[in-house]
C-alpha atoms as a PDB file:
ATOM      1  CA  MET A   1     -38.670  26.349 -12.869  1.00  0.00           C
ATOM      2  CA  GLY A   2     -35.935  25.497 -16.004  1.00  0.00           C
ATOM      3  CA  ASP A   3     -33.504  22.799 -16.056  1.00  0.00           C
ATOM      4  CA  LEU A   4     -30.010  23.216 -14.677  1.00  0.00           C
ATOM      5  CA  ASP A   5     -27.506  24.036 -17.190  1.00  0.00           C
ATOM      6  CA  LEU A   6     -24.453  21.963 -16.591  1.00  0.00           C
ATOM      7  CA  ALA A   7     -22.315  24.557 -17.956  1.00  0.00           C
ATOM      8  CA  ALA A   8     -23.326  27.181 -15.656  1.00  0.00           C
ATOM      9  CA  VAL A   9     -22.923  24.635 -12.803  1.00  0.00           C
ATOM     10  CA  ARG A  10     -19.387  23.725 -13.808  1.00  0.00           C
ATOM     11  CA  ALA A  11     -18.487  27.642 -14.098  1.00  0.00           C
ATOM     12  CA  PHE A  12     -19.828  28.216 -10.475  1.00  0.00           C
ATOM     13  CA  VAL A  13     -18.009  25.242  -8.958  1.00  0.00           C
ATOM     14  CA  ALA A  14     -14.787  26.561 -10.625  1.00  0.00           C
ATOM     15  CA  VAL A  15     -15.121  29.997  -9.200  1.00  0.00           C
ATOM     16  CA  ALA A  16     -15.920  28.454  -6.018  1.00  0.00           C
ATOM     17  CA  ASP A  17     -12.824  26.526  -5.945  1.00  0.00           C
ATOM     18  CA  ASN A  18     -10.338  29.009  -7.061  1.00  0.00           C
ATOM     19  CA  GLN A  19     -11.919  31.892  -5.352  1.00  0.00           C
ATOM     20  CA  HIS A  20     -11.442  34.053  -8.580  1.00  0.00           C
ATOM     21  CA  PHE A  21     -13.224  34.517 -11.783  1.00  0.00           C
ATOM     22  CA  GLY A  22     -10.082  34.812 -13.847  1.00  0.00           C
ATOM     23  CA  ASP A  23      -8.526  31.518 -12.385  1.00  0.00           C
ATOM     24  CA  ALA A  24     -11.877  29.619 -13.100  1.00  0.00           C
ATOM     25  CA  ALA A  25     -11.863  31.041 -16.549  1.00  0.00           C
ATOM     26  CA  ALA A  26      -8.070  29.460 -17.047  1.00  0.00           C
ATOM     27  CA  GLN A  27      -9.269  26.139 -15.450  1.00  0.00           C
ATOM     28  CA  LEU A  28     -12.266  26.069 -17.732  1.00  0.00           C
ATOM     29  CA  GLY A  29     -10.649  27.178 -21.000  1.00  0.00           C
ATOM     30  CA  ILE A  30     -13.027  29.973 -21.525  1.00  0.00           C
ATOM     31  CA  THR A  31     -13.237  33.749 -21.269  1.00  0.00           C
ATOM     32  CA  GLN A  32     -13.537  35.199 -17.487  1.00  0.00           C
ATOM     33  CA  GLN A  33     -16.696  37.160 -19.134  1.00  0.00           C
ATOM     34  CA  ALA A  34     -18.300  33.777 -20.220  1.00  0.00           C
ATOM     35  CA  VAL A  35     -17.726  32.520 -16.515  1.00  0.00           C
ATOM     36  CA  SER A  36     -19.474  35.429 -15.073  1.00  0.00           C
ATOM     37  CA  LYS A  37     -22.428  35.024 -17.558  1.00  0.00           C
ATOM     38  CA  ARG A  38     -22.981  31.793 -16.645  1.00  0.00           C
ATOM     39  CA  VAL A  39     -22.866  32.101 -13.039  1.00  0.00           C
ATOM     40  CA  ALA A  40     -25.192  35.306 -13.297  1.00  0.00           C
ATOM     41  CA  LYS A  41     -27.565  33.179 -15.328  1.00  0.00           C
ATOM     42  CA  LEU A  42     -27.725  30.533 -12.857  1.00  0.00           C
ATOM     43  CA  GLU A  43     -28.440  33.067  -9.844  1.00  0.00           C
ATOM     44  CA  SER A  44     -31.056  34.843 -12.156  1.00  0.00           C
ATOM     45  CA  GLU A  45     -32.882  32.010 -13.125  1.00  0.00           C
ATOM     46  CA  PHE A  46     -33.339  30.378  -9.426  1.00  0.00           C
ATOM     47  CA  GLY A  47     -33.428  34.086  -7.749  1.00  0.00           C
ATOM     48  CA  VAL A  48     -30.312  33.241  -5.410  1.00  0.00           C
ATOM     49  CA  LEU A  49     -26.860  34.977  -4.924  1.00  0.00           C
ATOM     50  CA  LEU A  50     -24.562  32.168  -5.074  1.00  0.00           C
ATOM     51  CA  LEU A  51     -21.069  34.299  -5.114  1.00  0.00           C
ATOM     52  CA  SER A  52     -20.133  37.331  -3.132  1.00  0.00           C
ATOM     53  CA  ARG A  53     -17.675  39.160  -5.210  1.00  0.00           C
ATOM     54  CA  GLN A  54     -15.216  41.378  -3.346  1.00  0.00           C
ATOM     55  CA  ALA A  55     -12.198  43.488  -3.968  1.00  0.00           C
ATOM     56  CA  SER A  56     -10.089  40.531  -2.506  1.00  0.00           C
ATOM     57  CA  GLY A  57     -11.568  37.713  -4.409  1.00  0.00           C
ATOM     58  CA  THR A  58     -14.810  35.874  -4.575  1.00  0.00           C
ATOM     59  CA  ARG A  59     -16.694  34.211  -1.732  1.00  0.00           C
ATOM     60  CA  LEU A  60     -19.393  31.722  -1.504  1.00  0.00           C
ATOM     61  CA  SER A  61     -22.686  33.175  -0.260  1.00  0.00           C
ATOM     62  CA  GLN A  62     -25.036  31.137   2.287  1.00  0.00           C
ATOM     63  CA  ASP A  63     -26.840  29.699  -0.309  1.00  0.00           C
ATOM     64  CA  GLY A  64     -23.573  29.177  -2.560  1.00  0.00           C
ATOM     65  CA  ALA A  65     -22.242  27.160   0.382  1.00  0.00           C
ATOM     66  CA  ALA A  66     -25.224  25.217   0.551  1.00  0.00           C
ATOM     67  CA  PHE A  67     -25.489  24.622  -2.997  1.00  0.00           C
ATOM     68  CA  LEU A  68     -21.959  23.487  -3.665  1.00  0.00           C
ATOM     69  CA  PRO A  69     -22.238  19.874  -2.679  1.00  0.00           C
ATOM     70  CA  TYR A  70     -24.935  19.340  -4.781  1.00  0.00           C
ATOM     71  CA  ALA A  71     -23.479  20.761  -7.555  1.00  0.00           C
ATOM     72  CA  ARG A  72     -20.523  18.713  -7.234  1.00  0.00           C
ATOM     73  CA  ASN A  73     -22.502  15.689  -7.272  1.00  0.00           C
ATOM     74  CA  LEU A  74     -24.473  16.783 -10.121  1.00  0.00           C
ATOM     75  CA  LEU A  75     -21.273  17.062 -12.040  1.00  0.00           C
ATOM     76  CA  ALA A  76     -20.010  13.849 -11.076  1.00  0.00           C
ATOM     77  CA  THR A  77     -23.223  12.146 -12.266  1.00  0.00           C
ATOM     78  CA  ALA A  78     -22.895  13.818 -15.512  1.00  0.00           C
ATOM     79  CA  GLU A  79     -19.535  12.393 -16.070  1.00  0.00           C
ATOM     80  CA  LYS A  80     -20.414   9.055 -15.048  1.00  0.00           C
ATOM     81  CA  THR A  81     -23.275   9.255 -17.429  1.00  0.00           C
ATOM     82  CA  VAL A  82     -21.284  10.183 -20.312  1.00  0.00           C
ATOM     83  CA  GLU A  83     -18.934   7.516 -19.680  1.00  0.00           C
ATOM     84  CA  MET A  84     -21.594   5.002 -19.319  1.00  0.00           C
ATOM     85  CA  LEU A  85     -23.034   6.067 -22.762  1.00  0.00           C
ATOM     86  CA  ARG A  86     -19.620   6.228 -24.416  1.00  0.00           C
ATOM     87  CA  GLY A  87     -19.402   2.544 -23.360  1.00  0.00           C
ATOM     88  CA  ARG A  88     -15.622   2.815 -22.187  1.00  0.00           C
ATOM     89  CA  ARG A  89     -13.362   3.941 -19.377  1.00  0.00           C
ATOM     90  CA  LEU A  90     -12.254   7.707 -19.390  1.00  0.00           C
ATOM     91  CA  PRO A  91      -8.539   8.282 -20.061  1.00  0.00           C
ATOM     92  CA  LEU A  92      -6.353   9.108 -17.114  1.00  0.00           C
ATOM     93  CA  ARG A  93      -6.006  12.896 -17.477  1.00  0.00           C
ATOM     94  CA  ILE A  94      -2.803  14.283 -16.244  1.00  0.00           C
ATOM     95  CA  ASP A  95      -1.743  17.753 -15.736  1.00  0.00           C
ATOM     96  CA  VAL A  96       1.956  18.213 -16.461  1.00  0.00           C
ATOM     97  CA  LEU A  97       2.126  21.947 -16.386  1.00  0.00           C
ATOM     98  CA  ASP A  98       3.982  22.016 -19.643  1.00  0.00           C
ATOM     99  CA  THR A  99       5.387  19.226 -21.810  1.00  0.00           C
ATOM    100  CA  ARG A 100       8.878  20.480 -21.723  1.00  0.00           C
ATOM    101  CA  LEU A 101       9.280  19.874 -18.119  1.00  0.00           C
ATOM    102  CA  ALA A 102      10.454  16.554 -16.383  1.00  0.00           C
ATOM    103  CA  SER A 103       6.841  15.612 -15.305  1.00  0.00           C
ATOM    104  CA  THR A 104       6.310  14.802 -18.850  1.00  0.00           C
ATOM    105  CA  GLU A 105       8.906  12.406 -19.383  1.00  0.00           C
ATOM    106  CA  LEU A 106       7.952  10.647 -16.145  1.00  0.00           C
ATOM    107  CA  VAL A 107       4.348  10.198 -17.576  1.00  0.00           C
ATOM    108  CA  ARG A 108       5.976   8.610 -20.723  1.00  0.00           C
ATOM    109  CA  GLU A 109       8.097   6.180 -18.599  1.00  0.00           C
ATOM    110  CA  PHE A 110       4.966   5.348 -16.697  1.00  0.00           C
ATOM    111  CA  HIS A 111       2.850   4.583 -19.749  1.00  0.00           C
ATOM    112  CA  SER A 112       5.870   2.459 -21.241  1.00  0.00           C
ATOM    113  CA  THR A 113       5.021   0.099 -17.975  1.00  0.00           C
ATOM    114  CA  ALA A 114       1.183   0.349 -18.457  1.00  0.00           C
ATOM    115  CA  SER A 115       0.666   0.845 -22.096  1.00  0.00           C
ATOM    116  CA  ASP A 116      -2.949  -0.693 -21.802  1.00  0.00           C
ATOM    117  CA  ILE A 117      -3.739   2.570 -19.880  1.00  0.00           C
ATOM    118  CA  GLU A 118      -5.168   5.650 -22.064  1.00  0.00           C
ATOM    119  CA  LEU A 119      -3.736   8.594 -21.111  1.00  0.00           C
ATOM    120  CA  GLU A 120      -4.242  12.390 -21.608  1.00  0.00           C
ATOM    121  CA  ILE A 121      -1.772  15.007 -21.291  1.00  0.00           C
ATOM    122  CA  VAL A 122      -3.068  18.153 -20.022  1.00  0.00           C
ATOM    123  CA  THR A 123      -1.156  21.651 -19.383  1.00  0.00           C
ATOM    124  CA  SER A 124      -2.180  24.292 -17.250  1.00  0.00           C
ATOM    125  CA  ILE A 125      -1.060  27.351 -14.838  1.00  0.00           C
ATOM    126  CA  GLY A 126      -0.108  24.917 -12.091  1.00  0.00           C
ATOM    127  CA  LEU A 127      -1.558  24.501  -8.668  1.00  0.00           C
ATOM    128  CA  ARG A 128      -3.776  27.453  -8.833  1.00  0.00           C
ATOM    129  CA  ALA A 129      -5.554  25.430 -11.519  1.00  0.00           C
ATOM    130  CA  ALA A 130      -4.903  21.885 -10.380  1.00  0.00           C
ATOM    131  CA  ARG A 131      -6.629  22.269  -6.982  1.00  0.00           C
ATOM    132  CA  GLY A 132     -10.038  23.019  -8.385  1.00  0.00           C
ATOM    133  CA  ALA A 133      -9.562  20.661 -11.412  1.00  0.00           C
ATOM    134  CA  LEU A 134      -8.829  17.776  -9.112  1.00  0.00           C
ATOM    135  CA  LYS A 135     -11.839  18.687  -6.901  1.00  0.00           C
ATOM    136  CA  ALA A 136     -14.106  18.880 -10.143  1.00  0.00           C
ATOM    137  CA  GLY A 137     -12.747  15.783 -11.571  1.00  0.00           C
ATOM    138  CA  THR A 138     -11.752  17.361 -15.036  1.00  0.00           C
ATOM    139  CA  VAL A 139      -8.152  16.140 -14.382  1.00  0.00           C
ATOM    140  CA  ASP A 140      -7.166  12.902 -12.442  1.00  0.00           C
ATOM    141  CA  ALA A 141      -3.570  13.850 -11.223  1.00  0.00           C
ATOM    142  CA  ALA A 142      -1.291  16.936 -11.639  1.00  0.00           C
ATOM    143  CA  PHE A 143       2.533  17.251 -11.191  1.00  0.00           C
ATOM    144  CA  VAL A 144       3.166  20.439  -9.446  1.00  0.00           C
ATOM    145  CA  ARG A 145       5.024  22.043  -6.565  1.00  0.00           C
ATOM    146  CA  ALA A 146       2.813  21.328  -3.352  1.00  0.00           C
ATOM    147  CA  ILE A 147       2.537  24.399  -1.242  1.00  0.00           C
ATOM    148  CA  GLY A 148      -0.083  25.326   1.165  1.00  0.00           C
ATOM    149  CA  PRO A 149      -2.488  22.807   3.052  1.00  0.00           C
ATOM    150  CA  LEU A 150      -4.162  20.060   0.864  1.00  0.00           C
ATOM    151  CA  ASP A 151      -5.767  17.923   3.083  1.00  0.00           C
ATOM    152  CA  GLN A 152      -8.702  20.217   3.729  1.00  0.00           C
ATOM    153  CA  ASP A 153      -9.711  19.854  -0.166  1.00  0.00           C
ATOM    154  CA  GLY A 154      -9.447  16.055   0.235  1.00  0.00           C
ATOM    155  CA  ILE A 155      -5.914  16.292  -1.967  1.00  0.00           C
ATOM    156  CA  ALA A 156      -3.153  13.813  -1.389  1.00  0.00           C
ATOM    157  CA  ALA A 157       0.350  14.379  -2.562  1.00  0.00           C
ATOM    158  CA  VAL A 158       3.541  12.411  -2.890  1.00  0.00           C
ATOM    159  CA  PRO A 159       6.906  13.748  -3.986  1.00  0.00           C
ATOM    160  CA  ALA A 160       7.513  12.804  -7.352  1.00  0.00           C
ATOM    161  CA  TYR A 161      11.125  14.019  -8.183  1.00  0.00           C
ATOM    162  CA  LEU A 162      13.841  16.684  -7.104  1.00  0.00           C
ATOM    163  CA  GLU A 163      15.087  19.129  -9.744  1.00  0.00           C
ATOM    164  CA  PRO A 164      18.533  20.535  -9.402  1.00  0.00           C
ATOM    165  CA  LEU A 165      19.002  24.340  -9.948  1.00  0.00           C
ATOM    166  CA  GLN A 166      21.170  25.342 -13.169  1.00  0.00           C
ATOM    167  CA  VAL A 167      22.518  28.684 -14.175  1.00  0.00           C
ATOM    168  CA  MET A 168      21.977  29.801 -17.868  1.00  0.00           C
ATOM    169  CA  VAL A 169      24.226  32.110 -19.553  1.00  0.00           C
ATOM    170  CA  GLY A 170      25.218  33.532 -22.817  1.00  0.00           C
ATOM    171  CA  PRO A 171      28.748  33.058 -24.558  1.00  0.00           C
ATOM    172  CA  GLY A 172      29.781  36.363 -23.728  1.00  0.00           C
ATOM    173  CA  HIS A 173      28.966  35.892 -19.854  1.00  0.00           C
ATOM    174  CA  PRO A 174      31.963  36.094 -17.319  1.00  0.00           C
ATOM    175  CA  LEU A 175      30.544  32.641 -16.112  1.00  0.00           C
ATOM    176  CA  ALA A 176      30.156  31.158 -19.544  1.00  0.00           C
ATOM    177  CA  LYS A 177      33.323  28.894 -19.342  1.00  0.00           C
ATOM    178  CA  ARG A 178      32.875  27.710 -15.678  1.00  0.00           C
ATOM    179  CA  SER A 179      32.305  23.995 -15.040  1.00  0.00           C
ATOM    180  CA  SER A 180      30.237  24.720 -11.936  1.00  0.00           C
ATOM    181  CA  VAL A 181      29.065  27.620  -9.793  1.00  0.00           C
ATOM    182  CA  THR A 182      28.083  27.907  -6.061  1.00  0.00           C
ATOM    183  CA  MET A 183      25.086  30.048  -4.628  1.00  0.00           C
ATOM    184  CA  PRO A 184      27.400  32.248  -2.578  1.00  0.00           C
ATOM    185  CA  GLU A 185      29.002  33.333  -5.856  1.00  0.00           C
ATOM    186  CA  LEU A 186      25.817  34.821  -7.242  1.00  0.00           C
ATOM    187  CA  SER A 187      25.094  36.720  -4.374  1.00  0.00           C
ATOM    188  CA  GLY A 188      24.118  40.370  -5.527  1.00  0.00           C
ATOM    189  CA  CYS A 189      23.268  38.911  -8.951  1.00  0.00           C
ATOM    190  CA  THR A 190      20.184  39.940 -10.951  1.00  0.00           C
ATOM    191  CA  VAL A 191      18.295  36.546 -12.540  1.00  0.00           C
ATOM    192  CA  TRP A 192      15.895  37.109 -15.425  1.00  0.00           C
ATOM    193  CA  MET A 193      12.921  35.014 -15.292  1.00  0.00           C
ATOM    194  CA  PRO A 194      10.010  36.580 -17.203  1.00  0.00           C
ATOM    195  CA  GLY A 195       7.896  33.232 -16.625  1.00  0.00           C
ATOM    196  CA  ASN A 196       7.803  33.757 -13.011  1.00  0.00           C
ATOM    197  CA  ALA A 197       4.110  34.458 -13.065  1.00  0.00           C
ATOM    198  CA  GLN A 198       2.721  36.291  -9.764  1.00  0.00           C
ATOM    199  CA  GLY A 199       1.175  33.922  -7.081  1.00  0.00           C
ATOM    200  CA  SER A 200       2.314  30.640  -8.856  1.00  0.00           C
ATOM    201  CA  GLU A 201       4.374  27.954  -7.041  1.00  0.00           C
ATOM    202  CA  TRP A 202       7.598  28.133  -8.753  1.00  0.00           C
ATOM    203  CA  ALA A 203       7.429  31.969  -8.523  1.00  0.00           C
ATOM    204  CA  ASP A 204       7.545  31.379  -4.550  1.00  0.00           C
ATOM    205  CA  PHE A 205      10.295  28.795  -4.893  1.00  0.00           C
ATOM    206  CA  TYR A 206      12.572  31.412  -6.775  1.00  0.00           C
ATOM    207  CA  ASP A 207      11.519  34.279  -4.229  1.00  0.00           C
ATOM    208  CA  SER A 208      12.699  31.690  -1.593  1.00  0.00           C
ATOM    209  CA  ILE A 209      16.117  31.356  -3.406  1.00  0.00           C
ATOM    210  CA  ALA A 210      16.182  35.139  -3.595  1.00  0.00           C
ATOM    211  CA  ALA A 211      15.985  35.541   0.109  1.00  0.00           C
ATOM    212  CA  GLU A 212      18.191  32.810   1.032  1.00  0.00           C
ATOM    213  CA  PHE A 213      21.132  33.682  -1.353  1.00  0.00           C
ATOM    214  CA  SER A 214      20.800  37.416  -1.969  1.00  0.00           C
ATOM    215  CA  VAL A 215      19.987  37.403  -5.453  1.00  0.00           C
ATOM    216  CA  ARG A 216      17.484  39.598  -7.194  1.00  0.00           C
ATOM    217  CA  ILE A 217      14.777  38.029  -9.491  1.00  0.00           C
ATOM    218  CA  ASP A 218      13.850  40.029 -12.395  1.00  0.00           C
ATOM    219  CA  THR A 219      10.299  39.329 -13.719  1.00  0.00           C
ATOM    220  CA  SER A 220      10.162  41.914 -16.426  1.00  0.00           C
ATOM    221  CA  GLY A 221       8.792  40.647 -19.535  1.00  0.00           C
ATOM    222  CA  PRO A 222       6.519  40.017 -21.510  1.00  0.00           C
ATOM    223  CA  ASP A 223       7.100  36.171 -21.317  1.00  0.00           C
ATOM    224  CA  PHE A 224       7.100  35.290 -24.933  1.00  0.00           C
ATOM    225  CA  GLY A 225       8.151  31.653 -24.470  1.00  0.00           C
ATOM    226  CA  TYR A 226      11.211  29.288 -24.289  1.00  0.00           C
ATOM    227  CA  GLU A 227      12.404  30.064 -27.649  1.00  0.00           C
ATOM    228  CA  HIS A 228      12.833  33.815 -26.944  1.00  0.00           C
ATOM    229  CA  PHE A 229      14.023  33.482 -23.507  1.00  0.00           C
ATOM    230  CA  VAL A 230      16.927  31.198 -24.553  1.00  0.00           C
ATOM    231  CA  ARG A 231      17.487  33.533 -27.674  1.00  0.00           C
ATOM    232  CA  ARG A 232      17.790  36.303 -25.447  1.00  0.00           C
ATOM    233  CA  PHE A 233      20.960  34.659 -23.737  1.00  0.00           C
ATOM    234  CA  ALA A 234      22.487  34.100 -26.837  1.00  0.00           C
ATOM    235  CA  GLU A 235      22.248  37.755 -27.659  1.00  0.00           C
ATOM    236  CA  SER A 236      23.610  39.050 -24.340  1.00  0.00           C
ATOM    237  CA  PRO A 237      26.613  39.078 -22.626  1.00  0.00           C
ATOM    238  CA  HIS A 238      24.971  40.247 -19.195  1.00  0.00           C
ATOM    239  CA  LEU A 239      21.744  38.043 -18.555  1.00  0.00           C
ATOM    240  CA  LEU A 240      21.863  35.124 -16.123  1.00  0.00           C
ATOM    241  CA  GLY A 241      18.997  33.004 -15.396  1.00  0.00           C
ATOM    242  CA  PHE A 242      17.854  29.834 -13.576  1.00  0.00           C
ATOM    243  CA  VAL A 243      16.630  26.911 -15.028  1.00  0.00           C
ATOM    244  CA  GLY A 244      15.835  23.089 -13.967  1.00  0.00           C
ATOM    245  CA  GLU A 245      18.427  20.524 -14.962  1.00  0.00           C
ATOM    246  CA  LEU A 246      15.781  18.431 -16.306  1.00  0.00           C
ATOM    247  CA  THR A 247      13.902  20.743 -18.359  1.00  0.00           C
ATOM    248  CA  ARG A 248      14.101  20.598 -22.040  1.00  0.00           C
ATOM    249  CA  LEU A 249      15.145  23.832 -23.585  1.00  0.00           C
ATOM    250  CA  PRO A 250      15.695  25.075 -27.181  1.00  0.00           C
ATOM    251  CA  GLN A 251      19.614  24.760 -28.072  1.00  0.00           C
ATOM    252  CA  TYR A 252      21.323  28.136 -29.054  1.00  0.00           C
ATOM    253  CA  PRO A 253      24.933  28.344 -30.000  1.00  0.00           C
ATOM    254  CA  GLY A 254      27.196  29.415 -26.918  1.00  0.00           C
ATOM    255  CA  VAL A 255      24.134  29.379 -24.355  1.00  0.00           C
ATOM    256  CA  VAL A 256      25.469  27.112 -21.709  1.00  0.00           C
ATOM    257  CA  ARG A 257      23.820  25.489 -18.483  1.00  0.00           C
ATOM    258  CA  ILE A 258      26.034  25.525 -15.578  1.00  0.00           C
ATOM    259  CA  PRO A 259      25.521  22.808 -12.704  1.00  0.00           C
ATOM    260  CA  VAL A 260      25.190  24.589  -9.054  1.00  0.00           C
ATOM    261  CA  GLN A 261      27.697  22.874  -6.478  1.00  0.00           C
ATOM    262  CA  ARG A 262      26.376  21.055  -3.230  1.00  0.00           C
ATOM    263  CA  PRO A 263      24.212  21.964  -1.693  1.00  0.00           C
ATOM    264  CA  THR A 264      22.537  22.524  -4.873  1.00  0.00           C
ATOM    265  CA  PRO A 265      19.056  24.305  -4.631  1.00  0.00           C
ATOM    266  CA  CYS A 266      16.269  21.747  -6.085  1.00  0.00           C
ATOM    267  CA  TYR A 267      12.665  22.393  -6.846  1.00  0.00           C
ATOM    268  CA  LEU A 268      10.354  19.672  -5.588  1.00  0.00           C
ATOM    269  CA  CYS A 269       7.817  18.527  -8.022  1.00  0.00           C
ATOM    270  CA  SER A 270       4.813  16.535  -6.362  1.00  0.00           C
ATOM    271  CA  LEU A 271       2.096  14.237  -7.595  1.00  0.00           C
ATOM    272  CA  LEU A 272      -1.390  15.420  -6.407  1.00  0.00           C
ATOM    273  CA  TRP A 273      -4.728  13.518  -6.980  1.00  0.00           C
ATOM    274  CA  HIS A 274      -8.139  13.898  -5.358  1.00  0.00           C
ATOM    275  CA  ARG A 275      -8.755  11.065  -2.794  1.00  0.00           C
ATOM    276  CA  PRO A 276     -12.329  10.352  -3.646  1.00  0.00           C
ATOM    277  CA  ASN A 277     -11.288  10.063  -7.414  1.00  0.00           C
ATOM    278  CA  PRO A 278     -12.414   6.602  -8.549  1.00  0.00           C
ATOM    279  CA  HIS A 279     -10.406   6.072 -11.845  1.00  0.00           C
ATOM    280  CA  PRO A 280      -9.189   2.440 -11.756  1.00  0.00           C
ATOM    281  CA  ALA A 281      -5.856   3.832 -13.241  1.00  0.00           C
ATOM    282  CA  LEU A 282      -4.707   6.320 -10.672  1.00  0.00           C
ATOM    283  CA  PRO A 283      -3.724   3.968  -8.027  1.00  0.00           C
ATOM    284  CA  LYS A 284      -1.274   2.634 -10.619  1.00  0.00           C
ATOM    285  CA  LEU A 285       0.165   6.008 -11.401  1.00  0.00           C
ATOM    286  CA  VAL A 286       0.547   6.639  -7.577  1.00  0.00           C
ATOM    287  CA  SER A 287       2.153   3.428  -6.796  1.00  0.00           C
ATOM    288  CA  TYR A 288       4.713   4.028  -9.774  1.00  0.00           C
ATOM    289  CA  VAL A 289       5.677   7.618  -8.732  1.00  0.00           C
ATOM    290  CA  ARG A 290       6.159   6.372  -5.139  1.00  0.00           C
ATOM    291  CA  GLN A 291       8.442   3.517  -6.278  1.00  0.00           C
ATOM    292  CA  ASN A 292      10.628   5.532  -8.466  1.00  0.00           C
ATOM    293  CA  TYR A 293      11.202   8.546  -6.281  1.00  0.00           C
ATOM    294  CA  ARG A 294      14.495   8.975  -4.519  1.00  0.00           C
ATOM    295  CA  ALA A 295      14.976  11.072  -1.573  1.00  0.00           C
ATOM    296  CA  PRO A 296      18.024  13.276  -1.728  1.00  0.00           C
ATOM    297  CA  GLY A 297      21.168  12.626   0.775  1.00  0.00           C
ATOM    298  CA  ARG A 298      21.630  14.757   3.742  1.00  0.00           C
ATOM    299  CA  GLY A 299      23.759  17.878   2.699  1.00  0.00           C
ATOM    300  CA  ASP A 300      23.395  17.199  -0.973  1.00  0.00           C
ATOM    301  CA  VAL A 301      20.387  19.795  -1.704  1.00  0.00           C
ATOM    302  CA  TRP A 302      18.945  22.966  -0.374  1.00  0.00           C
ATOM    303  CA  LEU A 303      15.179  23.014  -0.202  1.00  0.00           C
ATOM    304  CA  ALA A 304      12.889  25.914   0.317  1.00  0.00           C
ATOM    305  CA  ARG A 305      11.007  25.616   3.708  1.00  0.00           C
ATOM    306  CA  ALA A 306       7.858  24.701   2.263  1.00  0.00           C
ATOM    307  CA  ASP A 307       9.371  21.753   0.708  1.00  0.00           C
ATOM    308  CA  VAL A 308      11.259  20.095   3.631  1.00  0.00           C
ATOM    309  CA  THR A 309       8.277  18.321   5.156  1.00  0.00           C
ATOM    310  CA  ARG A 310       7.553  16.920   1.907  1.00  0.00           C
ATOM    311  CA  ILE A 311      10.435  15.260   0.515  1.00  0.00           C
ATOM    312  CA  GLY A 312       9.969  11.784   2.468  1.00  0.00           C
END
């Protein structure tokens, strides 16, 4: 019998965590075809069916469920072995989703208080990838909007920050000269947000806003990134968008970001980590986030239902 291929084992664990070959590929940074080939190689070499491919997703077979804890232990041992051979501690790997977001600034501020900690910044597709990455140990912490049950995966979460919503329009828009707006004023409006990926936690947030305040979210794209997104507002007198107050966007003449009056819809970003993670710097990050989080005042913010129980 041949030796276990760690890359194939890693691919199997990623699919098991994400229950989807495409999401596993995104987590690992390889193609979906490569993930499929690695898992197929593992199954063929040992003569077992590990994963059941279905139209609704991918599920573990009986053999796959039995193999999964051994696979996790194998990968954890391999990482510790590599760390020992390198003769140093691995950096604290933190998923910030996108470097333009406030989570990146929060990590920078943390590092200014603990400059002896080696950090590695990672970007991803959010909660969909973070669950599996945290369990697999490929990242140590992740800043995402935490929705759905987490305890069953051994994942802990604490609120990190609340980001107030702003309205963005171009110079020719009727709201362009307003100093603030209210959400009821936007009832019936269409909000263009091509970056709202289906199944993402941020799309879920804006869908909650749409239902609560009777606005329509237009996700038509393609999404060509922040530069193109902001430029479109500079060019159009009709487009209206939502952005987070703390998100750093490119500047274009005439494009304005308008605060939303109280109660202001706020996006809750949380810090997630896997409880068994042994990285010595992780408790310091968790403590820093706990100490610097400020809960909102009563009546100041509007929160999606999924966030109400997490605000502290």
